Each structure stands twice: as structure tokens, then as C-alpha cells.
Amino acid sequence: MITQNTLWIVYIVVLIAFFYFFLYRPQVNQRRAQQALIASLAVNDQVVTAGGLYGTIRAIDDDVVELEIASGVVVRMAKAAISRKLEAEI
């Protein structure tokens, strides 16, 4: 016979599983993908920053990249600000 306490335990376990699979795991996967992107950055890669700047990486330091956003215009920014690589020329 299923008691009221058993139903509460099942409810809590289902709720925890829901939060794990639909909230926590996607964030972990997204963080891993971002870390892999940052690790794969190389000079002359075409990238887009989190702020929407398009540019070409000209130099890479530990946590900083120098990004050429226009001919002769180079800005320094955090590697973590790079949101994606572009495959085609900009």
C-alpha cells in the first residue's frame, strides 16, 4: 500500500530529477562548449564577441585577446567575451 509519505518522497525525487535534467545539465554543457571554444582560439580566427563586435584575432595572451575590428583598429578584450567563431570571411 502506498502511503502519503511515499508519495511525497517520489514527488521530491521527480522534482530533483527535473531540475537536474532540464536546468543544471544544459548549463554545464553550455559552459563546457564555451570553454572548448576559448581553448581552440588561434591567431587570424574570425570571431564575434558577446557585445556583437566582429573581428579577427591578432594576438592571444593568457586571458586576453587583441581583436582587430577594423583596418588598423585593435582592441584588447577578455577571452571569455568571445561568443563564437565565424567560418566565413567577414
N, C-alpha and C. Protein backbone atom coordinates (compact mmCIF):
# COMPACT_ATOMS: atom_id res chain seq x y z
N MET A 1 0.83 -1.18 0.00
CA MET A 1 0.00 0.00 0.00
C MET A 1 0.88 1.25 0.00
N ILE A 2 0.57 2.18 -0.87
CA ILE A 2 1.32 3.42 -0.98
C ILE A 2 0.79 4.41 0.05
N THR A 3 1.69 4.92 0.85
CA THR A 3 1.30 5.87 1.88
C THR A 3 1.55 7.29 1.40
N GLN A 4 1.05 8.21 2.18
CA GLN A 4 1.23 9.64 1.86
C GLN A 4 2.70 10.02 1.87
N ASN A 5 3.47 9.48 2.81
CA ASN A 5 4.91 9.78 2.90
C ASN A 5 5.66 9.28 1.67
N THR A 6 5.29 8.12 1.18
CA THR A 6 5.93 7.56 -0.01
C THR A 6 5.67 8.44 -1.22
N LEU A 7 4.47 8.95 -1.36
CA LEU A 7 4.14 9.83 -2.47
C LEU A 7 4.95 11.12 -2.41
N TRP A 8 5.14 11.67 -1.21
CA TRP A 8 5.94 12.88 -1.06
C TRP A 8 7.39 12.63 -1.46
N ILE A 9 7.92 11.49 -1.07
CA ILE A 9 9.31 11.16 -1.43
C ILE A 9 9.44 11.01 -2.94
N VAL A 10 8.50 10.34 -3.57
CA VAL A 10 8.53 10.19 -5.02
C VAL A 10 8.40 11.55 -5.68
N TYR A 11 7.54 12.39 -5.19
CA TYR A 11 7.37 13.74 -5.73
C TYR A 11 8.66 14.54 -5.65
N ILE A 12 9.34 14.49 -4.53
CA ILE A 12 10.59 15.24 -4.35
C ILE A 12 11.68 14.69 -5.27
N VAL A 13 11.76 13.37 -5.40
CA VAL A 13 12.76 12.77 -6.29
C VAL A 13 12.51 13.18 -7.74
N VAL A 14 11.26 13.17 -8.16
CA VAL A 14 10.92 13.59 -9.53
C VAL A 14 11.25 15.06 -9.73
N LEU A 15 10.98 15.88 -8.76
CA LEU A 15 11.27 17.31 -8.85
C LEU A 15 12.78 17.56 -8.95
N ILE A 16 13.55 16.86 -8.16
CA ILE A 16 15.01 17.00 -8.22
C ILE A 16 15.52 16.53 -9.58
N ALA A 17 15.02 15.43 -10.09
CA ALA A 17 15.43 14.93 -11.40
C ALA A 17 15.07 15.93 -12.49
N PHE A 18 13.91 16.56 -12.40
CA PHE A 18 13.51 17.57 -13.37
C PHE A 18 14.50 18.73 -13.38
N PHE A 19 14.81 19.24 -12.20
CA PHE A 19 15.75 20.35 -12.12
C PHE A 19 17.12 19.96 -12.65
N TYR A 20 17.55 18.75 -12.37
CA TYR A 20 18.87 18.31 -12.83
C TYR A 20 18.91 18.22 -14.36
N PHE A 21 17.95 17.56 -14.97
CA PHE A 21 17.99 17.31 -16.41
C PHE A 21 17.59 18.51 -17.25
N PHE A 22 16.75 19.37 -16.74
CA PHE A 22 16.27 20.49 -17.56
C PHE A 22 16.88 21.84 -17.21
N LEU A 23 17.55 21.96 -16.09
CA LEU A 23 18.16 23.23 -15.72
C LEU A 23 19.67 23.13 -15.55
N TYR A 24 20.13 22.17 -14.78
CA TYR A 24 21.55 22.10 -14.46
C TYR A 24 22.39 21.56 -15.61
N ARG A 25 22.00 20.44 -16.19
CA ARG A 25 22.81 19.82 -17.25
C ARG A 25 22.97 20.70 -18.47
N PRO A 26 21.94 21.37 -18.98
CA PRO A 26 22.17 22.25 -20.13
C PRO A 26 23.18 23.36 -19.84
N GLN A 27 23.17 23.90 -18.64
CA GLN A 27 24.13 24.94 -18.28
C GLN A 27 25.55 24.38 -18.24
N VAL A 28 25.71 23.18 -17.73
CA VAL A 28 27.03 22.55 -17.69
C VAL A 28 27.53 22.31 -19.11
N ASN A 29 26.66 21.81 -19.98
CA ASN A 29 27.05 21.57 -21.37
C ASN A 29 27.41 22.87 -22.08
N GLN A 30 26.67 23.91 -21.81
CA GLN A 30 26.94 25.21 -22.41
C GLN A 30 28.29 25.76 -21.93
N ARG A 31 28.57 25.60 -20.64
CA ARG A 31 29.84 26.06 -20.09
C ARG A 31 31.01 25.28 -20.70
N ARG A 32 30.85 23.97 -20.86
CA ARG A 32 31.90 23.16 -21.48
C ARG A 32 32.14 23.58 -22.93
N ALA A 33 31.08 23.85 -23.66
CA ALA A 33 31.22 24.28 -25.05
C ALA A 33 31.95 25.62 -25.12
N GLN A 34 31.64 26.55 -24.23
CA GLN A 34 32.32 27.84 -24.20
C GLN A 34 33.79 27.68 -23.86
N GLN A 35 34.11 26.81 -22.91
CA GLN A 35 35.50 26.57 -22.55
C GLN A 35 36.26 25.93 -23.71
N ALA A 36 35.62 25.03 -24.45
CA ALA A 36 36.26 24.41 -25.61
C ALA A 36 36.50 25.45 -26.70
N LEU A 37 35.55 26.36 -26.90
CA LEU A 37 35.72 27.42 -27.88
C LEU A 37 36.91 28.30 -27.51
N ILE A 38 36.99 28.71 -26.26
CA ILE A 38 38.08 29.58 -25.81
C ILE A 38 39.43 28.87 -25.96
N ALA A 39 39.47 27.58 -25.66
CA ALA A 39 40.71 26.83 -25.78
C ALA A 39 41.14 26.66 -27.23
N SER A 40 40.20 26.71 -28.16
CA SER A 40 40.53 26.48 -29.57
C SER A 40 40.84 27.76 -30.34
N LEU A 41 40.80 28.91 -29.69
CA LEU A 41 41.06 30.17 -30.38
C LEU A 41 42.51 30.23 -30.86
N ALA A 42 42.68 30.77 -32.06
CA ALA A 42 44.02 30.93 -32.63
C ALA A 42 44.09 32.27 -33.35
N VAL A 43 45.31 32.71 -33.60
CA VAL A 43 45.53 33.97 -34.32
C VAL A 43 44.92 33.84 -35.72
N ASN A 44 44.33 34.92 -36.20
CA ASN A 44 43.65 35.03 -37.50
C ASN A 44 42.28 34.37 -37.55
N ASP A 45 41.75 33.91 -36.41
CA ASP A 45 40.37 33.40 -36.37
C ASP A 45 39.41 34.58 -36.47
N GLN A 46 38.35 34.40 -37.21
CA GLN A 46 37.27 35.38 -37.29
C GLN A 46 36.28 35.05 -36.18
N VAL A 47 35.96 36.05 -35.34
CA VAL A 47 35.11 35.79 -34.18
C VAL A 47 34.06 36.89 -34.01
N VAL A 48 33.08 36.57 -33.17
CA VAL A 48 32.07 37.54 -32.74
C VAL A 48 32.12 37.58 -31.23
N THR A 49 32.11 38.78 -30.65
CA THR A 49 32.15 38.92 -29.20
C THR A 49 30.73 38.92 -28.64
N ALA A 50 30.65 38.83 -27.33
CA ALA A 50 29.35 38.87 -26.65
C ALA A 50 28.67 40.21 -26.87
N GLY A 51 29.45 41.27 -27.12
CA GLY A 51 28.89 42.59 -27.36
C GLY A 51 28.50 42.82 -28.81
N GLY A 52 28.77 41.84 -29.68
CA GLY A 52 28.37 41.95 -31.08
C GLY A 52 29.45 42.49 -32.01
N LEU A 53 30.67 42.63 -31.52
CA LEU A 53 31.76 43.08 -32.38
C LEU A 53 32.28 41.92 -33.22
N TYR A 54 32.46 42.18 -34.50
CA TYR A 54 33.05 41.20 -35.41
C TYR A 54 34.50 41.59 -35.60
N GLY A 55 35.40 40.61 -35.61
CA GLY A 55 36.79 40.95 -35.81
C GLY A 55 37.66 39.73 -36.01
N THR A 56 38.96 40.01 -36.14
CA THR A 56 39.97 38.99 -36.35
C THR A 56 40.95 39.03 -35.19
N ILE A 57 41.25 37.87 -34.64
CA ILE A 57 42.19 37.80 -33.53
C ILE A 57 43.59 38.04 -34.07
N ARG A 58 44.30 39.00 -33.48
CA ARG A 58 45.67 39.33 -33.90
C ARG A 58 46.71 38.83 -32.91
N ALA A 59 46.37 38.72 -31.62
CA ALA A 59 47.29 38.21 -30.61
C ALA A 59 46.49 37.60 -29.47
N ILE A 60 47.09 36.60 -28.83
CA ILE A 60 46.45 35.93 -27.70
C ILE A 60 47.43 35.87 -26.54
N ASP A 61 46.98 36.34 -25.38
CA ASP A 61 47.73 36.18 -24.13
C ASP A 61 46.96 35.18 -23.27
N ASP A 62 47.25 35.14 -21.98
CA ASP A 62 46.61 34.17 -21.11
C ASP A 62 45.09 34.30 -21.13
N ASP A 63 44.57 35.44 -20.70
CA ASP A 63 43.12 35.64 -20.64
C ASP A 63 42.67 36.79 -21.52
N VAL A 64 43.56 37.30 -22.36
CA VAL A 64 43.27 38.48 -23.16
C VAL A 64 43.56 38.19 -24.63
N VAL A 65 42.70 38.71 -25.51
CA VAL A 65 42.96 38.65 -26.94
C VAL A 65 42.99 40.07 -27.48
N GLU A 66 43.76 40.26 -28.53
CA GLU A 66 43.74 41.52 -29.26
C GLU A 66 42.96 41.27 -30.53
N LEU A 67 41.88 42.02 -30.69
CA LEU A 67 40.94 41.81 -31.78
C LEU A 67 40.96 43.00 -32.72
N GLU A 68 41.21 42.74 -33.99
CA GLU A 68 41.18 43.81 -34.99
C GLU A 68 39.75 43.91 -35.51
N ILE A 69 39.10 45.02 -35.21
CA ILE A 69 37.69 45.19 -35.57
C ILE A 69 37.52 46.01 -36.84
N ALA A 70 38.56 46.73 -37.24
CA ALA A 70 38.58 47.48 -38.50
C ALA A 70 40.05 47.57 -38.89
N SER A 71 40.31 47.97 -40.09
CA SER A 71 41.68 48.06 -40.57
C SER A 71 42.48 49.02 -39.68
N GLY A 72 43.46 48.47 -38.95
CA GLY A 72 44.30 49.28 -38.08
C GLY A 72 43.72 49.57 -36.71
N VAL A 73 42.52 49.07 -36.40
CA VAL A 73 41.89 49.31 -35.10
C VAL A 73 41.91 47.99 -34.32
N VAL A 74 42.75 47.95 -33.28
CA VAL A 74 42.90 46.74 -32.48
C VAL A 74 42.47 47.05 -31.05
N VAL A 75 41.60 46.21 -30.50
CA VAL A 75 41.13 46.36 -29.12
C VAL A 75 41.53 45.13 -28.32
N ARG A 76 41.78 45.36 -27.02
CA ARG A 76 42.07 44.25 -26.11
C ARG A 76 40.79 43.89 -25.38
N MET A 77 40.53 42.61 -25.26
CA MET A 77 39.35 42.16 -24.53
C MET A 77 39.59 40.79 -23.93
N ALA A 78 38.75 40.44 -22.98
CA ALA A 78 38.86 39.15 -22.32
C ALA A 78 38.49 38.03 -23.28
N LYS A 79 39.19 36.91 -23.16
CA LYS A 79 38.86 35.75 -23.99
C LYS A 79 37.43 35.30 -23.75
N ALA A 80 36.97 35.43 -22.52
CA ALA A 80 35.62 34.98 -22.19
C ALA A 80 34.55 35.78 -22.92
N ALA A 81 34.91 36.94 -23.49
CA ALA A 81 33.95 37.75 -24.22
C ALA A 81 33.72 37.25 -25.64
N ILE A 82 34.51 36.29 -26.09
CA ILE A 82 34.32 35.71 -27.42
C ILE A 82 33.14 34.75 -27.35
N SER A 83 32.13 34.99 -28.17
CA SER A 83 30.95 34.13 -28.09
C SER A 83 30.91 33.04 -29.16
N ARG A 84 31.53 33.31 -30.33
CA ARG A 84 31.57 32.25 -31.34
C ARG A 84 32.60 32.57 -32.42
N LYS A 85 33.00 31.53 -33.13
CA LYS A 85 33.89 31.67 -34.28
C LYS A 85 33.05 31.78 -35.53
N LEU A 86 33.57 32.50 -36.50
CA LEU A 86 32.93 32.56 -37.79
C LEU A 86 33.71 31.69 -38.77
N GLU A 87 33.01 30.95 -39.58
CA GLU A 87 33.67 30.11 -40.55
C GLU A 87 34.00 30.86 -41.82
N ALA A 88 33.14 31.80 -42.22
CA ALA A 88 33.33 32.54 -43.46
C ALA A 88 34.07 33.85 -43.18
N GLU A 89 34.67 34.39 -44.20
CA GLU A 89 35.34 35.70 -44.08
C GLU A 89 34.31 36.78 -43.82
N ILE A 90 34.71 37.77 -43.01
CA ILE A 90 33.81 38.91 -42.79
C ILE A 90 34.30 40.11 -43.56
